[in-house]
């Protein structure tokens, strides 16, 4: 397995984890967080799009896509952390 495929699988696994977490959050979401949950859904969909882009990339192009994906994953992870904290409070 090459580096790109290992990276893709790692990102896909994290995305699946976030999708499951989002579904759990949606069942317990407070009314004031519905907009935030809708934004998380959009962000997850964007993450899926970027992951498909990575999968379709060839050769050296994947390294530039990886940078954008890393940035997106950082932001998405922070958004999930913040949403989880709000739900617990």
Protein backbone atom coordinates (compact mmCIF):
# COMPACT_ATOMS: atom_id res chain seq x y z
CA UNK A 1 0.00 0.00 0.00
CA UNK A 2 1.41 3.37 -0.94
CA UNK A 3 1.51 6.52 1.18
CA UNK A 4 -1.45 8.12 -0.60
CA UNK A 5 -3.69 5.10 -0.02
CA UNK A 6 -2.69 4.83 3.63
CA UNK A 7 -3.47 8.52 4.06
CA UNK A 8 -6.81 8.18 2.24
CA UNK A 9 -7.82 5.26 4.45
CA UNK A 10 -6.87 7.17 7.61
CA UNK A 11 -8.91 10.20 6.53
CA UNK A 12 -11.87 8.03 5.46
CA UNK A 13 -11.90 6.30 8.85
CA UNK A 14 -11.88 9.65 10.68
CA UNK A 15 -14.66 10.96 8.45
CA UNK A 16 -16.81 7.90 9.20
CA UNK A 17 -16.22 8.45 12.92
CA UNK A 18 -17.32 12.08 12.61
CA UNK A 19 -20.40 11.10 10.63
CA UNK A 20 -21.42 8.66 13.36
CA UNK A 21 -20.76 11.29 16.03
CA UNK A 22 -22.85 13.81 14.10
CA UNK A 23 -25.79 11.40 13.97
CA UNK A 24 -25.53 10.87 17.73
CA UNK A 25 -25.33 14.61 18.34
CA UNK A 26 -28.41 15.23 16.20
CA UNK A 27 -30.50 13.02 18.47
CA UNK A 28 -29.61 15.06 21.55
CA UNK A 29 -29.14 18.50 20.03
CA UNK A 30 -30.57 21.51 21.75
CA UNK A 31 -32.78 23.81 19.70
CA UNK A 32 -30.18 26.59 19.70
CA UNK A 33 -27.62 24.25 18.13
CA UNK A 34 -29.62 23.19 15.07
CA UNK A 35 -27.83 25.75 12.87
CA UNK A 36 -24.49 24.52 14.15
CA UNK A 37 -25.44 20.90 13.37
CA UNK A 38 -26.50 21.91 9.86
CA UNK A 39 -23.11 23.54 9.35
CA UNK A 40 -21.34 20.42 10.61
CA UNK A 41 -23.32 18.37 8.07
CA UNK A 42 -22.15 20.71 5.32
CA UNK A 43 -18.57 20.50 6.56
CA UNK A 44 -18.70 16.69 6.59
CA UNK A 45 -20.08 16.70 3.03
CA UNK A 46 -17.22 18.98 2.00
CA UNK A 47 -14.80 16.58 3.67
CA UNK A 48 -16.27 13.73 1.64
CA UNK A 49 -15.84 15.76 -1.53
CA UNK A 50 -12.20 16.50 -0.73
CA UNK A 51 -11.58 12.84 0.06
CA UNK A 52 -13.03 11.84 -3.33
CA UNK A 53 -10.78 14.46 -4.93
CA UNK A 54 -7.79 12.92 -3.19
CA UNK A 55 -8.79 9.44 -4.35
CA UNK A 56 -9.07 10.64 -7.94
CA UNK A 57 -5.77 12.52 -7.89
CA UNK A 58 -2.75 11.14 -9.63
CA UNK A 59 0.97 11.33 -9.15
CA UNK A 60 2.30 14.43 -7.48
CA UNK A 61 -1.06 16.23 -7.44
CA UNK A 62 -2.11 14.44 -4.29
CA UNK A 63 0.47 16.25 -2.17
CA UNK A 64 -1.16 19.63 -2.81
CA UNK A 65 -4.61 18.13 -2.21
CA UNK A 66 -3.29 16.60 1.03
CA UNK A 67 -2.39 20.05 2.39
CA UNK A 68 -5.92 21.32 1.85
CA UNK A 69 -7.37 18.16 3.31
CA UNK A 70 -5.16 18.42 6.39
CA UNK A 71 -6.36 21.99 6.96
CA UNK A 72 -10.01 20.96 6.50
CA UNK A 73 -9.60 18.04 8.89
CA UNK A 74 -8.12 20.31 11.56
CA UNK A 75 -11.03 22.73 11.28
CA UNK A 76 -13.59 19.92 11.21
CA UNK A 77 -12.05 18.28 14.25
CA UNK A 78 -12.17 21.55 16.16
CA UNK A 79 -15.80 22.10 15.14
CA UNK A 80 -16.76 18.65 16.42
CA UNK A 81 -14.91 19.21 19.66
CA UNK A 82 -16.65 22.56 20.22
CA UNK A 83 -20.08 21.13 19.38
CA UNK A 84 -19.52 18.21 21.73
CA UNK A 85 -18.54 20.57 24.54
CA UNK A 86 -21.68 22.66 23.99
CA UNK A 87 -23.85 19.55 24.12
CA UNK A 88 -22.30 18.44 27.40
CA UNK A 89 -22.93 21.85 29.01
